C-alpha atoms as a PDB file:
ATOM      1  CA  MET A   1      -5.595  17.669  -3.798  1.00  0.00           C
ATOM      2  CA  LEU A   2      -8.208  15.480  -2.128  1.00  0.00           C
ATOM      3  CA  ILE A   3      -7.052  12.610   0.139  1.00  0.00           C
ATOM      4  CA  ASP A   4      -9.369  10.529   2.326  1.00  0.00           C
ATOM      5  CA  VAL A   5      -8.989   7.210   4.054  1.00  0.00           C
ATOM      6  CA  ALA A   6     -11.236   4.227   4.735  1.00  0.00           C
ATOM      7  CA  PRO A   7      -9.555   1.946   7.335  1.00  0.00           C
ATOM      8  CA  ALA A   8     -10.325  -1.757   6.965  1.00  0.00           C
ATOM      9  CA  GLU A   9     -12.228  -3.720   9.591  1.00  0.00           C
ATOM     10  CA  GLN A  10      -9.359  -6.137  10.113  1.00  0.00           C
ATOM     11  CA  PHE A  11      -5.847  -4.910  11.002  1.00  0.00           C
ATOM     12  CA  GLY A  12      -6.857  -1.258  10.413  1.00  0.00           C
ATOM     13  CA  THR A  13      -5.213  -1.146   6.994  1.00  0.00           C
ATOM     14  CA  ASN A  14      -5.443   2.336   5.541  1.00  0.00           C
ATOM     15  CA  CYS A  15      -7.245   2.365   2.170  1.00  0.00           C
ATOM     16  CA  TRP A  16      -6.370   5.719   0.654  1.00  0.00           C
ATOM     17  CA  VAL A  17      -8.579   7.536  -1.872  1.00  0.00           C
ATOM     18  CA  LEU A  18      -6.738  10.200  -3.892  1.00  0.00           C
ATOM     19  CA  ALA A  19      -8.051  12.689  -6.442  1.00  0.00           C
ATOM     20  CA  PRO A  20      -7.130  16.154  -7.746  1.00  0.00           C
ATOM     21  CA  ASP A  21     -10.420  17.517  -6.407  1.00  0.00           C
ATOM     22  CA  ALA A  22     -14.053  16.641  -5.794  1.00  0.00           C
ATOM     23  CA  GLY A  23     -15.994  15.596  -8.888  1.00  0.00           C
ATOM     24  CA  SER A  24     -12.955  14.076 -10.591  1.00  0.00           C
ATOM     25  CA  GLU A  25     -11.397  10.691 -11.337  1.00  0.00           C
ATOM     26  CA  CYS A  26      -9.612   9.044  -8.431  1.00  0.00           C
ATOM     27  CA  LEU A  27      -7.169   6.348  -7.341  1.00  0.00           C
ATOM     28  CA  ILE A  28      -7.806   3.811  -4.584  1.00  0.00           C
ATOM     29  CA  VAL A  29      -4.848   2.311  -2.718  1.00  0.00           C
ATOM     30  CA  ASP A  30      -4.775  -0.977  -0.767  1.00  0.00           C
ATOM     31  CA  PRO A  31      -8.439  -1.976  -0.228  1.00  0.00           C
ATOM     32  CA  GLY A  32      -8.056  -4.424   2.642  1.00  0.00           C
ATOM     33  CA  ILE A  33      -9.995  -6.923   4.712  1.00  0.00           C
ATOM     34  CA  SER A  34     -13.627  -6.126   5.431  1.00  0.00           C
ATOM     35  CA  ILE A  35     -16.468  -8.592   5.099  1.00  0.00           C
ATOM     36  CA  PRO A  36     -17.688  -9.359   2.506  1.00  0.00           C
ATOM     37  CA  ASP A  37     -15.254  -6.823   1.014  1.00  0.00           C
ATOM     38  CA  HIS A  38     -14.089  -3.229   1.585  1.00  0.00           C
ATOM     39  CA  LEU A  39     -16.296  -1.594  -1.033  1.00  0.00           C
ATOM     40  CA  HIS A  40     -18.986  -0.670   1.475  1.00  0.00           C
ATOM     41  CA  TYR A  41     -16.424   1.591   3.195  1.00  0.00           C
ATOM     42  CA  ILE A  42     -15.027   3.043  -0.024  1.00  0.00           C
ATOM     43  CA  GLU A  43     -18.332   3.834  -1.727  1.00  0.00           C
ATOM     44  CA  PRO A  44     -19.497   6.508   0.797  1.00  0.00           C
ATOM     45  CA  ILE A  45     -16.267   8.444   0.129  1.00  0.00           C
ATOM     46  CA  LEU A  46     -16.845   8.187  -3.633  1.00  0.00           C
ATOM     47  CA  GLU A  47     -20.418   9.390  -3.255  1.00  0.00           C
ATOM     48  CA  ARG A  48     -19.500  12.216  -0.867  1.00  0.00           C
ATOM     49  CA  TYR A  49     -16.954  13.721  -3.247  1.00  0.00           C
ATOM     50  CA  LYS A  50     -18.572  12.522  -6.521  1.00  0.00           C
ATOM     51  CA  LEU A  51     -15.428  10.598  -7.512  1.00  0.00           C
ATOM     52  CA  LYS A  52     -14.950   8.052 -10.318  1.00  0.00           C
ATOM     53  CA  PRO A  53     -12.331   5.313  -9.627  1.00  0.00           C
ATOM     54  CA  ILE A  54     -10.052   4.550 -12.563  1.00  0.00           C
ATOM     55  CA  ALA A  55      -7.268   2.550 -10.905  1.00  0.00           C
ATOM     56  CA  SER A  56      -6.306   0.568  -7.796  1.00  0.00           C
ATOM     57  CA  LEU A  57      -2.707   0.895  -6.593  1.00  0.00           C
ATOM     58  CA  VAL A  58      -1.253  -1.918  -4.490  1.00  0.00           C
ATOM     59  CA  THR A  59       1.745  -1.191  -2.262  1.00  0.00           C
ATOM     60  CA  HIS A  60       2.469  -4.904  -1.688  1.00  0.00           C
ATOM     61  CA  GLY A  61       0.890  -8.332  -1.785  1.00  0.00           C
ATOM     62  CA  HIS A  62       0.019  -8.982   1.846  1.00  0.00           C
ATOM     63  CA  LEU A  63      -3.578 -10.035   2.271  1.00  0.00           C
ATOM     64  CA  ASP A  64      -4.512  -7.181   4.613  1.00  0.00           C
ATOM     65  CA  HIS A  65      -3.722  -4.836   1.660  1.00  0.00           C
ATOM     66  CA  THR A  66      -5.129  -6.925  -1.229  1.00  0.00           C
ATOM     67  CA  PHE A  67      -8.209  -8.737   0.121  1.00  0.00           C
ATOM     68  CA  SER A  68     -10.645  -6.438  -1.719  1.00  0.00           C
ATOM     69  CA  VAL A  69      -8.543  -5.570  -4.796  1.00  0.00           C
ATOM     70  CA  THR A  70     -10.307  -7.952  -7.144  1.00  0.00           C
ATOM     71  CA  PRO A  71     -13.855  -7.053  -6.008  1.00  0.00           C
ATOM     72  CA  LEU A  72     -12.951  -3.379  -6.370  1.00  0.00           C
ATOM     73  CA  CYS A  73     -11.348  -3.759  -9.809  1.00  0.00           C
ATOM     74  CA  GLU A  74     -14.084  -6.019 -11.190  1.00  0.00           C
ATOM     75  CA  GLY A  75     -16.840  -3.870  -9.713  1.00  0.00           C
ATOM     76  CA  TYR A  76     -15.601  -0.701 -11.389  1.00  0.00           C
ATOM     77  CA  GLY A  77     -13.854  -2.229 -14.418  1.00  0.00           C
ATOM     78  CA  ILE A  78     -10.456  -0.793 -13.473  1.00  0.00           C
ATOM     79  CA  PRO A  79      -6.866  -2.129 -13.459  1.00  0.00           C
ATOM     80  CA  ALA A  80      -4.646  -2.930 -10.477  1.00  0.00           C
ATOM     81  CA  TYR A  81      -1.047  -1.648 -10.415  1.00  0.00           C
ATOM     82  CA  ILE A  82       1.496  -3.784  -8.561  1.00  0.00           C
ATOM     83  CA  HIS A  83       5.198  -4.618  -8.633  1.00  0.00           C
ATOM     84  CA  PRO A  84       5.962  -7.834 -10.603  1.00  0.00           C
ATOM     85  CA  GLN A  85       7.675  -9.473  -7.604  1.00  0.00           C
ATOM     86  CA  ASP A  86       4.430  -9.331  -5.580  1.00  0.00           C
ATOM     87  CA  ARG A  87       1.978  -9.988  -8.396  1.00  0.00           C
ATOM     88  CA  ARG A  88       1.779 -13.717  -7.646  1.00  0.00           C
ATOM     89  CA  LEU A  89       0.466 -12.847  -4.183  1.00  0.00           C
ATOM     90  CA  LEU A  90      -2.758 -11.561  -5.741  1.00  0.00           C
ATOM     91  CA  ARG A  91      -3.501 -15.196  -6.609  1.00  0.00           C
ATOM     92  CA  ASP A  92      -1.666 -16.824  -3.713  1.00  0.00           C
ATOM     93  CA  PRO A  93      -1.504 -14.423  -0.766  1.00  0.00           C
ATOM     94  CA  PHE A  94      -0.739 -17.269   1.610  1.00  0.00           C
ATOM     95  CA  ALA A  95       2.730 -17.578   0.065  1.00  0.00           C
ATOM     96  CA  ALA A  96       3.829 -14.506   2.039  1.00  0.00           C
ATOM     97  CA  LEU A  97       2.144 -15.463   5.307  1.00  0.00           C
ATOM     98  CA  MET A  98       3.504 -17.438   8.215  1.00  0.00           C
ATOM     99  CA  PRO A  99       2.135 -21.006   8.082  1.00  0.00           C
ATOM    100  CA  GLY A 100      -0.520 -21.438  10.732  1.00  0.00           C
ATOM    101  CA  GLY A 101      -0.614 -17.690  11.398  1.00  0.00           C
ATOM    102  CA  PRO A 102      -3.750 -15.748  12.350  1.00  0.00           C
ATOM    103  CA  LEU A 103      -4.624 -14.555   8.859  1.00  0.00           C
ATOM    104  CA  ILE A 104      -4.784 -18.080   7.479  1.00  0.00           C
ATOM    105  CA  SER A 105      -7.189 -19.225  10.179  1.00  0.00           C
ATOM    106  CA  MET A 106      -9.222 -16.010   9.761  1.00  0.00           C
ATOM    107  CA  MET A 107      -9.731 -16.685   6.056  1.00  0.00           C
ATOM    108  CA  SER A 108     -11.299 -20.077   6.797  1.00  0.00           C
ATOM    109  CA  GLN A 109     -13.648 -18.372   9.220  1.00  0.00           C
ATOM    110  CA  PHE A 110     -14.603 -15.861   6.534  1.00  0.00           C
ATOM    111  CA  GLY A 111     -15.172 -18.671   4.041  1.00  0.00           C
ATOM    112  CA  ARG A 112     -12.442 -17.369   1.751  1.00  0.00           C
ATOM    113  CA  ASP A 113      -9.514 -19.576   0.866  1.00  0.00           C
ATOM    114  CA  GLU A 114      -9.199 -19.005  -2.895  1.00  0.00           C
ATOM    115  CA  PHE A 115      -8.143 -15.801  -4.645  1.00  0.00           C
ATOM    116  CA  VAL A 116      -7.926 -14.644  -8.261  1.00  0.00           C
ATOM    117  CA  GLU A 117      -6.218 -11.559  -9.617  1.00  0.00           C
ATOM    118  CA  PRO A 118      -8.243  -8.828 -11.366  1.00  0.00           C
ATOM    119  CA  THR A 119      -8.909  -9.060 -15.075  1.00  0.00           C
ATOM    120  CA  GLU A 120      -6.380  -6.302 -15.758  1.00  0.00           C
ATOM    121  CA  VAL A 121      -3.117  -6.134 -13.827  1.00  0.00           C
ATOM    122  CA  ILE A 122      -0.407  -3.624 -14.742  1.00  0.00           C
ATOM    123  CA  GLU A 123       3.111  -4.234 -13.455  1.00  0.00           C
ATOM    124  CA  VAL A 124       5.182  -1.198 -12.427  1.00  0.00           C
ATOM    125  CA  VAL A 125       8.861  -0.904 -11.558  1.00  0.00           C
ATOM    126  CA  ASP A 126      11.248   1.366  -9.699  1.00  0.00           C
ATOM    127  CA  GLY A 127      11.554   4.866 -11.103  1.00  0.00           C
ATOM    128  CA  GLN A 128       8.547   4.513 -13.411  1.00  0.00           C
ATOM    129  CA  LYS A 129       6.443   7.643 -13.713  1.00  0.00           C
ATOM    130  CA  LEU A 130       2.679   7.516 -14.336  1.00  0.00           C
ATOM    131  CA  SER A 131       0.016  10.093 -14.904  1.00  0.00           C
ATOM    132  CA  ILE A 132      -3.341   8.761 -13.715  1.00  0.00           C
ATOM    133  CA  ALA A 133      -6.498  10.625 -12.708  1.00  0.00           C
ATOM    134  CA  GLY A 134      -4.721  13.936 -13.056  1.00  0.00           C
ATOM    135  CA  LEU A 135      -2.027  12.913 -10.543  1.00  0.00           C
ATOM    136  CA  GLU A 136       1.697  12.509 -11.217  1.00  0.00           C
ATOM    137  CA  ILE A 137       2.993   9.289  -9.624  1.00  0.00           C
ATOM    138  CA  GLU A 138       6.563   8.040  -9.206  1.00  0.00           C
ATOM    139  CA  ILE A 139       7.106   4.401  -8.285  1.00  0.00           C
ATOM    140  CA  LEU A 140       9.668   3.712  -5.565  1.00  0.00           C
ATOM    141  CA  HIS A 141      10.568   0.047  -5.165  1.00  0.00           C
ATOM    142  CA  ALA A 142      11.361  -0.498  -1.487  1.00  0.00           C
ATOM    143  CA  PRO A 143      11.810  -4.213  -0.651  1.00  0.00           C
ATOM    144  CA  GLY A 144      12.167  -5.411   2.916  1.00  0.00           C
ATOM    145  CA  HIS A 145       8.604  -5.934   4.099  1.00  0.00           C
ATOM    146  CA  THR A 146       8.066  -7.995   0.931  1.00  0.00           C
ATOM    147  CA  THR A 147      10.287  -8.346  -2.136  1.00  0.00           C
ATOM    148  CA  GLY A 148       7.812  -6.380  -4.237  1.00  0.00           C
ATOM    149  CA  SER A 149       6.945  -3.587  -1.794  1.00  0.00           C
ATOM    150  CA  ILE A 150       6.544  -0.239  -3.521  1.00  0.00           C
ATOM    151  CA  MET A 151       5.720   3.289  -2.485  1.00  0.00           C
ATOM    152  CA  PHE A 152       3.887   5.928  -4.526  1.00  0.00           C
ATOM    153  CA  LEU A 153       5.189   9.490  -4.560  1.00  0.00           C
ATOM    154  CA  ILE A 154       2.228  11.669  -5.606  1.00  0.00           C
ATOM    155  CA  ASN A 155       2.851  15.094  -7.137  1.00  0.00           C
ATOM    156  CA  SER A 156       6.227  15.128  -5.325  1.00  0.00           C
ATOM    157  CA  GLU A 157       4.324  16.084  -2.141  1.00  0.00           C
ATOM    158  CA  HIS A 158       2.633  12.965  -0.764  1.00  0.00           C
ATOM    159  CA  LEU A 159       4.120   9.525  -0.131  1.00  0.00           C
ATOM    160  CA  ILE A 160       1.872   6.472   0.027  1.00  0.00           C
ATOM    161  CA  SER A 161       4.361   4.353   1.993  1.00  0.00           C
ATOM    162  CA  GLY A 162       2.465   1.069   2.479  1.00  0.00           C
ATOM    163  CA  ASP A 163       4.224  -0.934   5.170  1.00  0.00           C
ATOM    164  CA  VAL A 164       7.649   0.489   4.517  1.00  0.00           C
ATOM    165  CA  LEU A 165       7.355   3.489   6.854  1.00  0.00           C
ATOM    166  CA  PHE A 166       4.952   4.272   9.700  1.00  0.00           C
ATOM    167  CA  GLU A 167       4.939   6.962  12.349  1.00  0.00           C
ATOM    168  CA  ASN A 168       7.952   5.969  14.462  1.00  0.00           C
ATOM    169  CA  GLY A 169       8.009   2.530  12.875  1.00  0.00           C
ATOM    170  CA  ILE A 170       8.511   0.278   9.888  1.00  0.00           C
ATOM    171  CA  GLY A 171       6.854  -2.874   8.595  1.00  0.00           C
ATOM    172  CA  ARG A 172       7.952  -6.235   9.983  1.00  0.00           C
ATOM    173  CA  THR A 173      10.626  -8.086   8.024  1.00  0.00           C
ATOM    174  CA  ASP A 174      10.297 -11.616   9.482  1.00  0.00           C
ATOM    175  CA  LEU A 175       7.495 -12.869   7.219  1.00  0.00           C
ATOM    176  CA  PRO A 176       8.167 -14.910   4.029  1.00  0.00           C
ATOM    177  CA  THR A 177       9.840 -12.703   1.360  1.00  0.00           C
ATOM    178  CA  GLY A 178      10.789 -10.143   4.027  1.00  0.00           C
ATOM    179  CA  SER A 179      14.392  -9.045   4.721  1.00  0.00           C
ATOM    180  CA  ASP A 180      15.781  -6.799   7.425  1.00  0.00           C
ATOM    181  CA  ALA A 181      18.863  -6.024   5.322  1.00  0.00           C
ATOM    182  CA  ALA A 182      16.711  -5.100   2.323  1.00  0.00           C
ATOM    183  CA  MET A 183      14.527  -2.893   4.567  1.00  0.00           C
ATOM    184  CA  ARG A 184      17.541  -0.974   5.850  1.00  0.00           C
ATOM    185  CA  ASN A 185      18.745  -0.471   2.299  1.00  0.00           C
ATOM    186  CA  SER A 186      15.305   0.774   1.227  1.00  0.00           C
ATOM    187  CA  LEU A 187      15.205   3.250   4.109  1.00  0.00           C
ATOM    188  CA  ARG A 188      18.667   4.562   3.218  1.00  0.00           C
ATOM    189  CA  GLU A 189      18.127   4.769  -0.536  1.00  0.00           C
ATOM    190  CA  LYS A 190      14.382   5.562  -0.878  1.00  0.00           C
ATOM    191  CA  ILE A 191      13.312   7.328   2.316  1.00  0.00           C
ATOM    192  CA  LEU A 192      16.272   9.400   3.468  1.00  0.00           C
ATOM    193  CA  PRO A 193      16.745  11.269   0.156  1.00  0.00           C
ATOM    194  CA  LEU A 194      13.119  12.529   0.229  1.00  0.00           C
ATOM    195  CA  ASP A 195      12.262  16.114   1.165  1.00  0.00           C
ATOM    196  CA  ASP A 196      11.328  16.729   4.780  1.00  0.00           C
ATOM    197  CA  ALA A 197       8.062  18.421   3.809  1.00  0.00           C
ATOM    198  CA  ILE A 198       6.625  15.327   2.101  1.00  0.00           C
ATOM    199  CA  ILE A 199       3.526  14.044   3.882  1.00  0.00           C
ATOM    200  CA  VAL A 200       3.608  10.306   4.565  1.00  0.00           C
ATOM    201  CA  HIS A 201       0.362   8.305   4.296  1.00  0.00           C
ATOM    202  CA  PRO A 202       1.219   4.899   5.787  1.00  0.00           C
ATOM    203  CA  GLY A 203      -0.415   1.516   5.457  1.00  0.00           C
ATOM    204  CA  HIS A 204      -1.364   1.593   9.150  1.00  0.00           C
ATOM    205  CA  GLY A 205      -1.644   4.359  11.713  1.00  0.00           C
ATOM    206  CA  ARG A 206      -1.502   8.123  11.481  1.00  0.00           C
ATOM    207  CA  GLU A 207      -0.056  10.384   8.819  1.00  0.00           C
ATOM    208  CA  THR A 208       3.374  11.847   9.438  1.00  0.00           C
ATOM    209  CA  THR A 209       6.105  13.650   7.465  1.00  0.00           C
ATOM    210  CA  ILE A 210       9.528  12.665   6.231  1.00  0.00           C
ATOM    211  CA  GLY A 211      11.088  15.400   8.378  1.00  0.00           C
ATOM    212  CA  ARG A 212       9.337  14.164  11.530  1.00  0.00           C
ATOM    213  CA  GLU A 213      10.421  10.567  10.918  1.00  0.00           C
ATOM    214  CA  ARG A 214      13.976  11.606  10.036  1.00  0.00           C
ATOM    215  CA  LYS A 215      14.187  13.294  13.450  1.00  0.00           C
ATOM    216  CA  ASN A 216      12.176  10.893  15.653  1.00  0.00           C
ATOM    217  CA  SER A 217      12.099   7.414  14.177  1.00  0.00           C
ATOM    218  CA  PRO A 218      14.679   5.023  15.671  1.00  0.00           C
ATOM    219  CA  TYR A 219      14.639   3.206  12.317  1.00  0.00           C
ATOM    220  CA  LEU A 220      16.074   6.213  10.448  1.00  0.00           C
ATOM    221  CA  GLN A 221      19.015   6.603  12.767  1.00  0.00           C
ATOM    222  CA  SER A 222      22.527   5.259  12.233  1.00  0.00           C
ATOM    223  CA  ASP A 223      22.182   2.689  15.012  1.00  0.00           C
ATOM    224  CA  TYR A 224      19.622   0.780  12.952  1.00  0.00           C
ATOM    225  CA  LEU A 225      20.663   1.736   9.441  1.00  0.00           C
ATOM    226  CA  GLY A 226      24.285   0.786  10.064  1.00  0.00           C
ATOM    227  CA  ARG A 227      23.652  -2.766  11.220  1.00  0.00           C
ATOM    228  CA  ARG A 228      24.943  -5.649   9.159  1.00  0.00           C
END
């Protein structure tokens, strides 16, 4: 399996490119904020491995993960896959941002204050299984960072975790649509049951494994998970 990453200029969001092998179809996850868009970081990876994008997967609707979704989808004529509870954020990403926060002021500096969703948007839900680009994908709905946060379990070996799980960390829960209680529930019900050998590809930062996080992350220990 081929996995590469193109971090975004702003906030270092990991844009993952996944394919069975070089010279095949591929998936692109969370193309984030680069100016004018993130395609000029994605395209060298596609050219290097001779890949053909056929879908964009979106872990959640925060702007640092969706800024370049529509340019990517329209440029290659491909659909975007997202949970229905975060779909509205493709058109109105500011609804999940803190009023007056840094992203809102940044968008005015970039000359971008209006957003439209791609021509084709496909909604996916918890437990749904997809076969795209020769990869087997299971959808894991894991609210907490946003109500529509999802993770993608690829071939039962790789977890695209978005902002649910990082190396020794989790996504913040204090933004609009976030919930600390929902995050703890997602960690208990969606993360802890996973096999230790699964490789975690997070929305920010370095790759890790479920086993490493189960052992080292303070957010997967009873002190955090048991709070009410």
